[in-house]
PDB file of N, CA and C in Angstrom:
ATOM      1  N   MET A   1    -143.175 -57.838-171.284  1.00  0.00           N
ATOM      2  CA  MET A   1    -141.803 -58.347-172.221  1.00  0.00           C
ATOM      3  C   MET A   1    -142.112 -57.355-173.404  1.00  0.00           C
ATOM      4  N   ARG A   2    -143.450 -56.964-173.855  1.00  0.00           N
ATOM      5  CA  ARG A   2    -143.450 -56.191-174.725  1.00  0.00           C
ATOM      6  C   ARG A   2    -143.086 -54.894-174.711  1.00  0.00           C
ATOM      7  N   ARG A   3    -143.657 -54.896-173.532  1.00  0.00           N
ATOM      8  CA  ARG A   3    -143.057 -52.940-173.232  1.00  0.00           C
ATOM      9  C   ARG A   3    -141.675 -52.908-172.994  1.00  0.00           C
ATOM     10  N   GLY A   4    -141.148 -53.617-172.395  1.00  0.00           N
ATOM     11  CA  GLY A   4    -139.299 -53.663-172.141  1.00  0.00           C
ATOM     12  C   GLY A   4    -138.664 -53.255-173.923  1.00  0.00           C
ATOM     13  N   ARG A   5    -139.501 -53.914-174.847  1.00  0.00           N
ATOM     14  CA  ARG A   5    -139.172 -54.302-176.185  1.00  0.00           C
ATOM     15  C   ARG A   5    -139.533 -52.763-176.835  1.00  0.00           C
ATOM     16  N   ARG A   6    -140.355 -52.157-176.524  1.00  0.00           N
ATOM     17  CA  ARG A   6    -140.769 -51.312-177.128  1.00  0.00           C
ATOM     18  C   ARG A   6    -139.640 -49.740-176.591  1.00  0.00           C
ATOM     19  N   PHE A   7    -139.445 -50.427-175.194  1.00  0.00           N
ATOM     20  CA  PHE A   7    -138.618 -49.043-174.901  1.00  0.00           C
ATOM     21  C   PHE A   7    -137.356 -49.322-175.503  1.00  0.00           C
ATOM     22  N   THR A   8    -136.618 -50.824-175.531  1.00  0.00           N
ATOM     23  CA  THR A   8    -135.662 -50.513-176.412  1.00  0.00           C
ATOM     24  C   THR A   8    -135.565 -50.207-177.771  1.00  0.00           C
ATOM     25  N   ILE A   9    -136.318 -50.173-178.058  1.00  0.00           N
ATOM     26  CA  ILE A   9    -136.636 -49.543-179.763  1.00  0.00           C
ATOM     27  C   ILE A   9    -136.482 -48.168-179.620  1.00  0.00           C
ATOM     28  N   ALA A  10    -137.562 -47.462-178.696  1.00  0.00           N
ATOM     29  CA  ALA A  10    -137.743 -46.446-179.103  1.00  0.00           C
ATOM     30  C   ALA A  10    -136.211 -45.426-178.521  1.00  0.00           C
ATOM     31  N   SER A  11    -135.973 -45.968-177.538  1.00  0.00           N
ATOM     32  CA  SER A  11    -134.370 -45.762-176.905  1.00  0.00           C
ATOM     33  C   SER A  11    -133.229 -45.736-178.201  1.00  0.00           C
ATOM     34  N   THR A  12    -133.394 -46.905-179.154  1.00  0.00           N
ATOM     35  CA  THR A  12    -132.141 -46.791-179.863  1.00  0.00           C
ATOM     36  C   THR A  12    -132.607 -46.063-181.162  1.00  0.00           C
ATOM     37  N   ALA A  13    -133.985 -46.074-181.736  1.00  0.00           N
ATOM     38  CA  ALA A  13    -134.673 -44.622-182.119  1.00  0.00           C
ATOM     39  C   ALA A  13    -134.023 -43.252-182.061  1.00  0.00           C
ATOM     40  N   MET A  14    -134.071 -43.411-181.105  1.00  0.00           N
ATOM     41  CA  MET A  14    -133.660 -41.797-180.307  1.00  0.00           C
ATOM     42  C   MET A  14    -132.363 -41.658-180.235  1.00  0.00           C
ATOM     43  N   LEU A  15    -131.335 -42.396-179.660  1.00  0.00           N
ATOM     44  CA  LEU A  15    -129.958 -42.312-179.887  1.00  0.00           C
ATOM     45  C   LEU A  15    -129.758 -42.222-181.327  1.00  0.00           C
ATOM     46  N   LEU A  16    -130.049 -42.775-182.321  1.00  0.00           N
ATOM     47  CA  LEU A  16    -129.985 -42.626-183.934  1.00  0.00           C
ATOM     48  C   LEU A  16    -129.999 -41.125-184.526  1.00  0.00           C
ATOM     49  N   LEU A  17    -131.179 -40.808-184.136  1.00  0.00           N
ATOM     50  CA  LEU A  17    -131.404 -39.531-184.552  1.00  0.00           C
ATOM     51  C   LEU A  17    -130.734 -38.689-184.059  1.00  0.00           C
ATOM     52  N   VAL A  18    -130.268 -38.594-182.479  1.00  0.00           N
ATOM     53  CA  VAL A  18    -129.484 -37.645-182.039  1.00  0.00           C
ATOM     54  C   VAL A  18    -127.869 -37.844-182.882  1.00  0.00           C
ATOM     55  N   GLY A  19    -127.275 -39.203-182.997  1.00  0.00           N
ATOM     56  CA  GLY A  19    -126.238 -39.438-183.384  1.00  0.00           C
ATOM     57  C   GLY A  19    -125.756 -38.835-184.721  1.00  0.00           C
ATOM     58  N   CYS A  20    -127.156 -39.056-185.454  1.00  0.00           N
ATOM     59  CA  CYS A  20    -127.413 -38.717-186.917  1.00  0.00           C
ATOM     60  C   CYS A  20    -127.654 -37.609-187.245  1.00  0.00           C
ATOM     61  N   ASP A  21    -127.543 -36.359-186.177  1.00  0.00           N
ATOM     62  CA  ASP A  21    -128.145 -35.139-186.543  1.00  0.00           C
ATOM     63  C   ASP A  21    -127.432 -34.217-187.717  1.00  0.00           C
ATOM     64  N   SER A  22    -127.836 -33.423-188.718  1.00  0.00           N
ATOM     65  CA  SER A  22    -127.232 -33.274-189.486  1.00  0.00           C
ATOM     66  C   SER A  22    -126.486 -32.130-189.020  1.00  0.00           C
ATOM     67  N   ARG A  23    -127.071 -30.940-188.278  1.00  0.00           N
ATOM     68  CA  ARG A  23    -126.088 -30.291-187.692  1.00  0.00           C
ATOM     69  C   ARG A  23    -124.745 -30.717-187.386  1.00  0.00           C
ATOM     70  N   THR A  24    -123.769 -30.037-187.510  1.00  0.00           N
ATOM     71  CA  THR A  24    -122.374 -30.331-187.268  1.00  0.00           C
ATOM     72  C   THR A  24    -121.565 -29.121-186.121  1.00  0.00           C
ATOM     73  N   THR A  25    -120.955 -29.796-185.578  1.00  0.00           N
ATOM     74  CA  THR A  25    -119.986 -29.266-184.655  1.00  0.00           C
ATOM     75  C   THR A  25    -118.589 -28.770-185.216  1.00  0.00           C
ATOM     76  N   GLN A  26    -118.178 -27.888-185.089  1.00  0.00           N
ATOM     77  CA  GLN A  26    -116.855 -27.489-186.280  1.00  0.00           C
ATOM     78  C   GLN A  26    -115.929 -27.545-184.785  1.00  0.00           C
ATOM     79  N   VAL A  27    -115.045 -28.367-184.367  1.00  0.00           N
ATOM     80  CA  VAL A  27    -114.461 -29.199-183.238  1.00  0.00           C
ATOM     81  C   VAL A  27    -112.748 -28.480-183.847  1.00  0.00           C
ATOM     82  N   ALA A  28    -112.008 -27.534-182.882  1.00  0.00           N
ATOM     83  CA  ALA A  28    -110.748 -26.686-183.473  1.00  0.00           C
ATOM     84  C   ALA A  28    -109.892 -27.978-183.120  1.00  0.00           C
ATOM     85  N   THR A  29    -108.941 -28.436-183.741  1.00  0.00           N
ATOM     86  CA  THR A  29    -108.178 -29.131-183.667  1.00  0.00           C
ATOM     87  C   THR A  29    -106.572 -28.403-183.575  1.00  0.00           C
ATOM     88  N   GLN A  30    -105.770 -28.646-182.994  1.00  0.00           N
ATOM     89  CA  GLN A  30    -104.535 -28.390-182.793  1.00  0.00           C
ATOM     90  C   GLN A  30    -103.153 -29.233-183.050  1.00  0.00           C
ATOM     91  N   ARG A  31    -102.337 -29.102-183.591  1.00  0.00           N
ATOM     92  CA  ARG A  31    -101.387 -30.154-184.234  1.00  0.00           C
ATOM     93  C   ARG A  31    -100.223 -29.338-183.165  1.00  0.00           C
ATOM     94  N   LYS A  32     -99.639 -30.486-182.435  1.00  0.00           N
ATOM     95  CA  LYS A  32     -98.392 -29.976-181.524  1.00  0.00           C
ATOM     96  C   LYS A  32     -97.241 -29.881-182.855  1.00  0.00           C
ATOM     97  N   ALA A  33     -96.353 -28.940-182.827  1.00  0.00           N
ATOM     98  CA  ALA A  33     -94.940 -28.918-183.510  1.00  0.00           C
ATOM     99  C   ALA A  33     -94.344 -30.239-183.496  1.00  0.00           C
ATOM    100  N   HIS A  34     -93.863 -30.699-184.826  1.00  0.00           N
ATOM    101  CA  HIS A  34     -93.193 -31.829-184.590  1.00  0.00           C
ATOM    102  C   HIS A  34     -91.984 -31.208-183.856  1.00  0.00           C
ATOM    103  N   TYR A  35     -91.615 -32.116-183.242  1.00  0.00           N
ATOM    104  CA  TYR A  35     -89.812 -32.288-182.562  1.00  0.00           C
ATOM    105  C   TYR A  35     -89.081 -33.470-182.982  1.00  0.00           C
ATOM    106  N   THR A  36     -87.599 -32.666-183.599  1.00  0.00           N
ATOM    107  CA  THR A  36     -87.138 -33.407-183.812  1.00  0.00           C
ATOM    108  C   THR A  36     -85.642 -33.460-182.989  1.00  0.00           C
ATOM    109  N   MET A  37     -85.490 -34.702-182.654  1.00  0.00           N
ATOM    110  CA  MET A  37     -84.011 -35.018-181.811  1.00  0.00           C
ATOM    111  C   MET A  37     -83.066 -34.394-182.270  1.00  0.00           C
ATOM    112  N   PRO A  38     -82.324 -33.469-180.949  1.00  0.00           N
ATOM    113  CA  PRO A  38     -80.862 -32.771-181.797  1.00  0.00           C
ATOM    114  C   PRO A  38     -80.011 -34.182-182.058  1.00  0.00           C
ATOM    115  N   SER A  39     -78.964 -34.103-182.618  1.00  0.00           N
ATOM    116  CA  SER A  39     -78.240 -35.337-183.043  1.00  0.00           C
ATOM    117  C   SER A  39     -77.017 -35.109-181.567  1.00  0.00           C
ATOM    118  N   GLU A  40     -77.521 -33.699-180.879  1.00  0.00           N
ATOM    119  CA  GLU A  40     -75.874 -33.715-179.702  1.00  0.00           C
ATOM    120  C   GLU A  40     -77.286 -33.179-178.760  1.00  0.00           C
ATOM    121  N   ILE A  41     -77.269 -33.892-177.206  1.00  0.00           N
ATOM    122  CA  ILE A  41     -78.008 -33.128-176.777  1.00  0.00           C
ATOM    123  C   ILE A  41     -77.011 -31.980-175.621  1.00  0.00           C
ATOM    124  N   VAL A  42     -77.513 -30.959-175.386  1.00  0.00           N
ATOM    125  CA  VAL A  42     -76.812 -30.247-174.172  1.00  0.00           C
ATOM    126  C   VAL A  42     -77.402 -29.949-173.104  1.00  0.00           C
ATOM    127  N   LEU A  43     -77.144 -30.201-171.726  1.00  0.00           N
ATOM    128  CA  LEU A  43     -76.861 -29.864-170.693  1.00  0.00           C
ATOM    129  C   LEU A  43     -75.762 -29.007-170.366  1.00  0.00           C
ATOM    130  N   ASP A  44     -76.558 -27.880-169.818  1.00  0.00           N
ATOM    131  CA  ASP A  44     -75.417 -27.456-169.198  1.00  0.00           C
ATOM    132  C   ASP A  44     -76.001 -26.980-167.866  1.00  0.00           C
ATOM    133  N   VAL A  45     -75.257 -27.077-166.784  1.00  0.00           N
ATOM    134  CA  VAL A  45     -75.551 -27.458-165.098  1.00  0.00           C
ATOM    135  C   VAL A  45     -74.686 -26.562-164.625  1.00  0.00           C
ATOM    136  N   SER A  46     -75.578 -26.021-163.632  1.00  0.00           N
ATOM    137  CA  SER A  46     -74.121 -25.399-162.199  1.00  0.00           C
ATOM    138  C   SER A  46     -75.452 -25.191-161.076  1.00  0.00           C
ATOM    139  N   ALA A  47     -74.989 -24.814-160.159  1.00  0.00           N
ATOM    140  CA  ALA A  47     -75.562 -24.777-158.841  1.00  0.00           C
ATOM    141  C   ALA A  47     -75.730 -23.461-158.115  1.00  0.00           C
ATOM    142  N   GLU A  48     -76.786 -23.334-157.448  1.00  0.00           N
ATOM    143  CA  GLU A  48     -76.951 -22.201-156.785  1.00  0.00           C
ATOM    144  C   GLU A  48     -77.157 -22.194-155.335  1.00  0.00           C
ATOM    145  N   ARG A  49     -76.507 -21.068-154.606  1.00  0.00           N
ATOM    146  CA  ARG A  49     -77.354 -21.384-153.045  1.00  0.00           C
ATOM    147  C   ARG A  49     -78.286 -19.967-152.621  1.00  0.00           C
ATOM    148  N   GLY A  50     -79.201 -20.948-152.066  1.00  0.00           N
ATOM    149  CA  GLY A  50     -80.270 -19.885-151.812  1.00  0.00           C
ATOM    150  C   GLY A  50     -79.715 -19.553-150.144  1.00  0.00           C
ATOM    151  N   SER A  51     -81.050 -18.227-150.161  1.00  0.00           N
ATOM    152  CA  SER A  51     -80.460 -17.517-148.751  1.00  0.00           C
ATOM    153  C   SER A  51     -80.538 -18.437-147.454  1.00  0.00           C
ATOM    154  N   GLY A  52     -81.390 -19.341-147.907  1.00  0.00           N
ATOM    155  CA  GLY A  52     -81.403 -20.528-146.555  1.00  0.00           C
ATOM    156  C   GLY A  52     -79.961 -21.452-146.232  1.00  0.00           C
ATOM    157  N   GLY A  53     -79.335 -21.460-147.537  1.00  0.00           N
ATOM    158  CA  GLY A  53     -78.342 -22.683-147.470  1.00  0.00           C
ATOM    159  C   GLY A  53     -78.656 -23.759-148.260  1.00  0.00           C
ATOM    160  N   GLU A  54     -79.794 -23.504-148.861  1.00  0.00           N
ATOM    161  CA  GLU A  54     -80.181 -24.778-149.670  1.00  0.00           C
ATOM    162  C   GLU A  54     -79.071 -24.578-150.978  1.00  0.00           C
ATOM    163  N   ILE A  55     -79.427 -25.703-152.117  1.00  0.00           N
ATOM    164  CA  ILE A  55     -78.640 -25.528-153.069  1.00  0.00           C
ATOM    165  C   ILE A  55     -79.553 -25.998-154.310  1.00  0.00           C
ATOM    166  N   PHE A  56     -79.912 -25.016-155.042  1.00  0.00           N
ATOM    167  CA  PHE A  56     -80.813 -25.377-156.157  1.00  0.00           C
ATOM    168  C   PHE A  56     -79.677 -25.551-157.454  1.00  0.00           C
ATOM    169  N   ILE A  57     -80.234 -26.712-158.042  1.00  0.00           N
ATOM    170  CA  ILE A  57     -79.279 -27.164-159.340  1.00  0.00           C
ATOM    171  C   ILE A  57     -80.407 -26.874-160.635  1.00  0.00           C
ATOM    172  N   VAL A  58     -79.474 -25.669-161.171  1.00  0.00           N
ATOM    173  CA  VAL A  58     -80.264 -24.730-162.240  1.00  0.00           C
ATOM    174  C   VAL A  58     -79.324 -24.908-163.718  1.00  0.00           C
ATOM    175  N   GLY A  59     -80.227 -24.517-164.783  1.00  0.00           N
ATOM    176  CA  GLY A  59     -79.299 -24.883-165.901  1.00  0.00           C
ATOM    177  C   GLY A  59     -80.133 -24.660-167.341  1.00  0.00           C
ATOM    178  N   SER A  60     -79.583 -25.027-168.571  1.00  0.00           N
ATOM    179  CA  SER A  60     -80.171 -24.981-169.801  1.00  0.00           C
ATOM    180  C   SER A  60     -79.987 -25.880-170.682  1.00  0.00           C
ATOM    181  N   THR A  61     -80.853 -26.161-171.257  1.00  0.00           N
ATOM    182  CA  THR A  61     -80.781 -27.516-172.235  1.00  0.00           C
ATOM    183  C   THR A  61     -81.326 -27.398-173.529  1.00  0.00           C
ATOM    184  N   ASN A  62     -81.128 -28.146-174.364  1.00  0.00           N
ATOM    185  CA  ASN A  62     -82.090 -28.052-176.019  1.00  0.00           C
ATOM    186  C   ASN A  62     -83.045 -29.112-175.841  1.00  0.00           C
ATOM    187  N   LEU A  63     -83.193 -29.711-174.976  1.00  0.00           N
ATOM    188  CA  LEU A  63     -84.238 -30.424-175.037  1.00  0.00           C
ATOM    189  C   LEU A  63     -85.404 -29.648-174.946  1.00  0.00           C
ATOM    190  N   PRO A  64     -86.869 -30.722-175.435  1.00  0.00           N
ATOM    191  CA  PRO A  64     -87.933 -29.832-175.576  1.00  0.00           C
ATOM    192  C   PRO A  64     -88.331 -29.196-174.233  1.00  0.00           C
ATOM    193  N   ASP A  65     -89.485 -28.213-174.482  1.00  0.00           N
ATOM    194  CA  ASP A  65     -90.088 -28.018-173.029  1.00  0.00           C
ATOM    195  C   ASP A  65     -90.977 -29.083-172.823  1.00  0.00           C
ATOM    196  N   GLY A  66     -91.391 -29.346-171.525  1.00  0.00           N
ATOM    197  CA  GLY A  66     -92.209 -30.615-170.964  1.00  0.00           C
ATOM    198  C   GLY A  66     -91.478 -31.502-170.657  1.00  0.00           C
ATOM    199  N   THR A  67     -89.972 -31.676-171.287  1.00  0.00           N
ATOM    200  CA  THR A  67     -89.145 -32.799-171.080  1.00  0.00           C
ATOM    201  C   THR A  67     -89.025 -32.987-169.009  1.00  0.00           C
ATOM    202  N   LYS A  68     -89.250 -33.990-168.419  1.00  0.00           N
ATOM    203  CA  LYS A  68     -89.009 -34.448-167.328  1.00  0.00           C
ATOM    204  C   LYS A  68     -87.743 -34.827-166.794  1.00  0.00           C
ATOM    205  N   ILE A  69     -86.975 -34.217-165.838  1.00  0.00           N
ATOM    206  CA  ILE A  69     -85.555 -34.731-165.634  1.00  0.00           C
ATOM    207  C   ILE A  69     -85.849 -34.858-164.240  1.00  0.00           C
ATOM    208  N   GLY A  70     -84.576 -35.415-163.483  1.00  0.00           N
ATOM    209  CA  GLY A  70     -84.568 -35.467-162.016  1.00  0.00           C
ATOM    210  C   GLY A  70     -83.128 -35.657-161.905  1.00  0.00           C
ATOM    211  N   ALA A  71     -82.787 -34.689-160.361  1.00  0.00           N
ATOM    212  CA  ALA A  71     -81.725 -34.712-159.778  1.00  0.00           C
ATOM    213  C   ALA A  71     -81.348 -35.152-158.614  1.00  0.00           C
ATOM    214  N   GLU A  72     -80.092 -35.488-158.196  1.00  0.00           N
ATOM    215  CA  GLU A  72     -79.889 -35.717-156.665  1.00  0.00           C
ATOM    216  C   GLU A  72     -78.548 -35.113-156.154  1.00  0.00           C
ATOM    217  N   VAL A  73     -78.380 -35.006-155.265  1.00  0.00           N
ATOM    218  CA  VAL A  73     -77.002 -34.751-154.702  1.00  0.00           C
ATOM    219  C   VAL A  73     -76.674 -35.199-153.483  1.00  0.00           C
ATOM    220  N   PRO A  74     -75.786 -36.662-153.783  1.00  0.00           N
ATOM    221  CA  PRO A  74     -74.930 -37.311-153.082  1.00  0.00           C
ATOM    222  C   PRO A  74     -74.147 -36.882-151.997  1.00  0.00           C
ATOM    223  N   PHE A  75     -73.927 -37.265-150.961  1.00  0.00           N
ATOM    224  CA  PHE A  75     -73.046 -36.891-149.958  1.00  0.00           C
ATOM    225  C   PHE A  75     -72.989 -37.937-149.036  1.00  0.00           C
ATOM    226  N   GLY A  76     -71.871 -38.690-149.517  1.00  0.00           N
ATOM    227  CA  GLY A  76     -71.024 -39.854-149.015  1.00  0.00           C
ATOM    228  C   GLY A  76     -71.641 -41.077-149.166  1.00  0.00           C
ATOM    229  N   GLN A  77     -72.761 -41.696-148.099  1.00  0.00           N
ATOM    230  CA  GLN A  77     -73.608 -42.623-148.328  1.00  0.00           C
ATOM    231  C   GLN A  77     -74.613 -42.531-148.082  1.00  0.00           C
ATOM    232  N   LYS A  78     -75.026 -40.962-148.280  1.00  0.00           N
ATOM    233  CA  LYS A  78     -76.595 -40.505-148.233  1.00  0.00           C
ATOM    234  C   LYS A  78     -76.710 -39.586-149.211  1.00  0.00           C
ATOM    235  N   ARG A  79     -78.086 -38.815-149.314  1.00  0.00           N
ATOM    236  CA  ARG A  79     -78.360 -37.930-150.423  1.00  0.00           C
ATOM    237  C   ARG A  79     -78.526 -36.877-149.260  1.00  0.00           C
ATOM    238  N   LEU A  80     -78.427 -35.712-149.976  1.00  0.00           N
ATOM    239  CA  LEU A  80     -78.769 -34.327-149.508  1.00  0.00           C
ATOM    240  C   LEU A  80     -79.838 -34.117-149.858  1.00  0.00           C
ATOM    241  N   GLY A  81     -80.563 -34.540-150.786  1.00  0.00           N
ATOM    242  CA  GLY A  81     -81.633 -34.657-151.339  1.00  0.00           C
ATOM    243  C   GLY A  81     -81.707 -34.932-152.791  1.00  0.00           C
ATOM    244  N   GLN A  82     -83.160 -34.833-153.815  1.00  0.00           N
ATOM    245  CA  GLN A  82     -83.603 -35.359-154.704  1.00  0.00           C
ATOM    246  C   GLN A  82     -84.811 -34.830-155.246  1.00  0.00           C
ATOM    247  N   ASP A  83     -84.821 -34.639-156.451  1.00  0.00           N
ATOM    248  CA  ASP A  83     -85.592 -33.895-157.179  1.00  0.00           C
ATOM    249  C   ASP A  83     -86.067 -34.419-158.359  1.00  0.00           C
ATOM    250  N   PHE A  84     -87.313 -35.441-158.507  1.00  0.00           N
ATOM    251  CA  PHE A  84     -87.194 -35.803-159.701  1.00  0.00           C
ATOM    252  C   PHE A  84     -88.783 -35.327-160.444  1.00  0.00           C
ATOM    253  N   GLU A  85     -88.996 -34.122-160.086  1.00  0.00           N
ATOM    254  CA  GLU A  85     -89.743 -33.333-160.732  1.00  0.00           C
ATOM    255  C   GLU A  85     -89.430 -31.883-161.476  1.00  0.00           C
ATOM    256  N   ILE A  86     -88.490 -32.062-161.978  1.00  0.00           N
ATOM    257  CA  ILE A  86     -87.758 -30.783-162.809  1.00  0.00           C
ATOM    258  C   ILE A  86     -88.437 -30.948-164.329  1.00  0.00           C
ATOM    259  N   TYR A  87     -88.876 -30.080-164.324  1.00  0.00           N
ATOM    260  CA  TYR A  87     -89.724 -29.821-166.228  1.00  0.00           C
ATOM    261  C   TYR A  87     -88.690 -28.885-166.633  1.00  0.00           C
ATOM    262  N   ILE A  88     -88.630 -29.229-168.128  1.00  0.00           N
ATOM    263  CA  ILE A  88     -88.081 -27.845-169.036  1.00  0.00           C
ATOM    264  C   ILE A  88     -88.850 -27.162-169.406  1.00  0.00           C
ATOM    265  N   SER A  89     -88.283 -25.611-169.346  1.00  0.00           N
ATOM    266  CA  SER A  89     -89.591 -24.436-169.541  1.00  0.00           C
ATOM    267  C   SER A  89     -88.569 -24.082-170.040  1.00  0.00           C
ATOM    268  N   GLY A  90     -88.794 -23.315-171.512  1.00  0.00           N
ATOM    269  CA  GLY A  90     -87.950 -22.171-172.250  1.00  0.00           C
ATOM    270  C   GLY A  90     -86.496 -22.597-172.371  1.00  0.00           C
ATOM    271  N   GLY A  91     -86.239 -23.712-172.468  1.00  0.00           N
ATOM    272  CA  GLY A  91     -84.826 -24.596-172.447  1.00  0.00           C
ATOM    273  C   GLY A  91     -84.227 -24.004-171.292  1.00  0.00           C
ATOM    274  N   LYS A  92     -84.960 -23.872-169.770  1.00  0.00           N
ATOM    275  CA  LYS A  92     -84.109 -23.916-168.746  1.00  0.00           C
ATOM    276  C   LYS A  92     -85.175 -24.980-167.773  1.00  0.00           C
ATOM    277  N   PHE A  93     -84.524 -25.094-166.504  1.00  0.00           N
ATOM    278  CA  PHE A  93     -84.685 -25.748-165.446  1.00  0.00           C
ATOM    279  C   PHE A  93     -84.384 -25.358-164.068  1.00  0.00           C
ATOM    280  N   ARG A  94     -84.832 -25.815-163.167  1.00  0.00           N
ATOM    281  CA  ARG A  94     -84.263 -25.180-161.719  1.00  0.00           C
ATOM    282  C   ARG A  94     -84.695 -26.490-160.782  1.00  0.00           C
ATOM    283  N   SER A  95     -84.166 -26.879-159.629  1.00  0.00           N
ATOM    284  CA  SER A  95     -84.533 -27.745-159.210  1.00  0.00           C
ATOM    285  C   SER A  95     -85.459 -27.206-157.571  1.00  0.00           C
ATOM    286  N   ALA A  96     -85.762 -28.416-157.194  1.00  0.00           N
ATOM    287  CA  ALA A  96     -86.344 -27.925-155.704  1.00  0.00           C
ATOM    288  C   ALA A  96     -84.956 -27.387-154.844  1.00  0.00           C
ATOM    289  N   GLY A  97     -85.285 -26.940-153.753  1.00  0.00           N
ATOM    290  CA  GLY A  97     -83.548 -26.708-152.845  1.00  0.00           C
ATOM    291  C   GLY A  97     -83.054 -28.038-152.177  1.00  0.00           C
ATOM    292  N   PHE A  98     -81.846 -28.217-152.344  1.00  0.00           N
ATOM    293  CA  PHE A  98     -81.447 -29.543-151.364  1.00  0.00           C
ATOM    294  C   PHE A  98     -80.786 -28.826-150.495  1.00  0.00           C
ATOM    295  N   GLY A  99     -80.760 -29.784-149.131  1.00  0.00           N
ATOM    296  CA  GLY A  99     -80.058 -29.802-148.157  1.00  0.00           C
ATOM    297  C   GLY A  99     -80.031 -28.667-147.256  1.00  0.00           C
ATOM    298  N   ALA A 100     -81.117 -27.829-147.470  1.00  0.00           N
ATOM    299  CA  ALA A 100     -80.938 -26.580-146.025  1.00  0.00           C
ATOM    300  C   ALA A 100     -81.069 -27.119-144.822  1.00  0.00           C
ATOM    301  N   ARG A 101     -81.232 -28.268-144.124  1.00  0.00           N
ATOM    302  CA  ARG A 101     -81.362 -28.459-143.098  1.00  0.00           C
ATOM    303  C   ARG A 101     -80.034 -29.914-142.874  1.00  0.00           C
ATOM    304  N   GLY A 102     -79.017 -30.097-144.001  1.00  0.00           N
ATOM    305  CA  GLY A 102     -78.922 -31.552-143.951  1.00  0.00           C
ATOM    306  C   GLY A 102     -77.116 -30.660-143.496  1.00  0.00           C
ATOM    307  N   GLY A 103     -76.785 -29.346-143.173  1.00  0.00           N
ATOM    308  CA  GLY A 103     -75.831 -29.178-142.011  1.00  0.00           C
ATOM    309  C   GLY A 103     -75.435 -29.234-140.735  1.00  0.00           C
ATOM    310  N   PRO A 104     -74.688 -29.285-140.021  1.00  0.00           N
ATOM    311  CA  PRO A 104     -74.223 -29.239-138.951  1.00  0.00           C
ATOM    312  C   PRO A 104     -75.378 -29.143-138.054  1.00  0.00           C
ATOM    313  N   ARG A 105     -76.112 -29.664-137.215  1.00  0.00           N
ATOM    314  CA  ARG A 105     -77.274 -29.298-136.249  1.00  0.00           C
ATOM    315  C   ARG A 105     -78.406 -28.599-136.735  1.00  0.00           C
ATOM    316  N   GLY A 106     -78.325 -29.265-138.319  1.00  0.00           N
ATOM    317  CA  GLY A 106     -79.490 -28.748-139.371  1.00  0.00           C
ATOM    318  C   GLY A 106     -79.510 -27.344-139.636  1.00  0.00           C
ATOM    319  N   GLY A 107     -78.337 -26.741-139.579  1.00  0.00           N
ATOM    320  CA  GLY A 107     -78.034 -25.673-140.363  1.00  0.00           C
ATOM    321  C   GLY A 107     -78.266 -25.767-142.144  1.00  0.00           C
ATOM    322  N   PRO A 108     -77.212 -24.680-142.611  1.00  0.00           N
ATOM    323  CA  PRO A 108     -77.158 -24.662-143.716  1.00  0.00           C
ATOM    324  C   PRO A 108     -75.875 -25.440-143.935  1.00  0.00           C
ATOM    325  N   LEU A 109     -75.914 -25.981-145.159  1.00  0.00           N
ATOM    326  CA  LEU A 109     -74.726 -26.577-145.835  1.00  0.00           C
ATOM    327  C   LEU A 109     -73.545 -26.105-145.642  1.00  0.00           C
ATOM    328  N   PRO A 110     -72.549 -26.486-145.233  1.00  0.00           N
ATOM    329  CA  PRO A 110     -70.993 -25.298-145.508  1.00  0.00           C
ATOM    330  C   PRO A 110     -70.357 -25.875-146.687  1.00  0.00           C
ATOM    331  N   PRO A 111     -69.944 -24.357-147.381  1.00  0.00           N
ATOM    332  CA  PRO A 111     -69.617 -24.466-148.719  1.00  0.00           C
ATOM    333  C   PRO A 111     -68.228 -26.094-148.900  1.00  0.00           C
ATOM    334  N   GLY A 112     -68.566 -25.863-149.879  1.00  0.00           N
ATOM    335  CA  GLY A 112     -67.818 -27.089-150.354  1.00  0.00           C
ATOM    336  C   GLY A 112     -68.097 -27.738-151.941  1.00  0.00           C
ATOM    337  N   LYS A 113     -67.620 -28.444-152.116  1.00  0.00           N
ATOM    338  CA  LYS A 113     -67.550 -29.237-153.378  1.00  0.00           C
ATOM    339  C   LYS A 113     -68.951 -30.804-153.045  1.00  0.00           C
ATOM    340  N   TYR A 114     -69.985 -30.405-154.036  1.00  0.00           N
ATOM    341  CA  TYR A 114     -70.829 -31.524-154.101  1.00  0.00           C
ATOM    342  C   TYR A 114     -71.200 -32.008-155.352  1.00  0.00           C
ATOM    343  N   GLY A 115     -71.387 -33.737-155.241  1.00  0.00           N
ATOM    344  CA  GLY A 115     -71.338 -34.206-156.679  1.00  0.00           C
ATOM    345  C   GLY A 115     -73.245 -34.002-157.290  1.00  0.00           C
ATOM    346  N   VAL A 116     -73.427 -34.152-158.395  1.00  0.00           N
ATOM    347  CA  VAL A 116     -74.841 -33.953-158.956  1.00  0.00           C
ATOM    348  C   VAL A 116     -75.263 -35.138-159.429  1.00  0.00           C
ATOM    349  N   HIS A 117     -75.991 -35.780-159.513  1.00  0.00           N
ATOM    350  CA  HIS A 117     -76.504 -36.729-160.742  1.00  0.00           C
ATOM    351  C   HIS A 117     -77.724 -36.262-161.719  1.00  0.00           C
ATOM    352  N   LEU A 118     -77.705 -36.468-162.605  1.00  0.00           N
ATOM    353  CA  LEU A 118     -78.744 -36.170-163.381  1.00  0.00           C
ATOM    354  C   LEU A 118     -79.430 -37.000-164.011  1.00  0.00           C
ATOM    355  N   LEU A 119     -80.996 -37.476-163.713  1.00  0.00           N
ATOM    356  CA  LEU A 119     -81.359 -38.489-164.409  1.00  0.00           C
ATOM    357  C   LEU A 119     -82.424 -38.012-164.964  1.00  0.00           C
TER     358      LEU A 119
END
């Protein structure tokens, strides 16, 4: 019992000595720039077709870098694709390719009008 108490007192004293060390380590603190939400959010969106027939949703925005958005391309009762991991970088974004195998017999999507939902 007495030996356990000595160990506790010794370890507590050691922690206090280490914790109260007069040497200081300077820690660099980085402040992120304060972001002010714009009065109007701008999303300029278009679609590009890849060499494999896939559709990419691309665009620009005034949302801050690192903002996560999502997009889906519906087609009737089903979706040609969805991407919920699109991040704004430098005011621009680009989705993963949608529908490369969604066309007839698994081929590229035929040209036409497709809707896009941004989330």
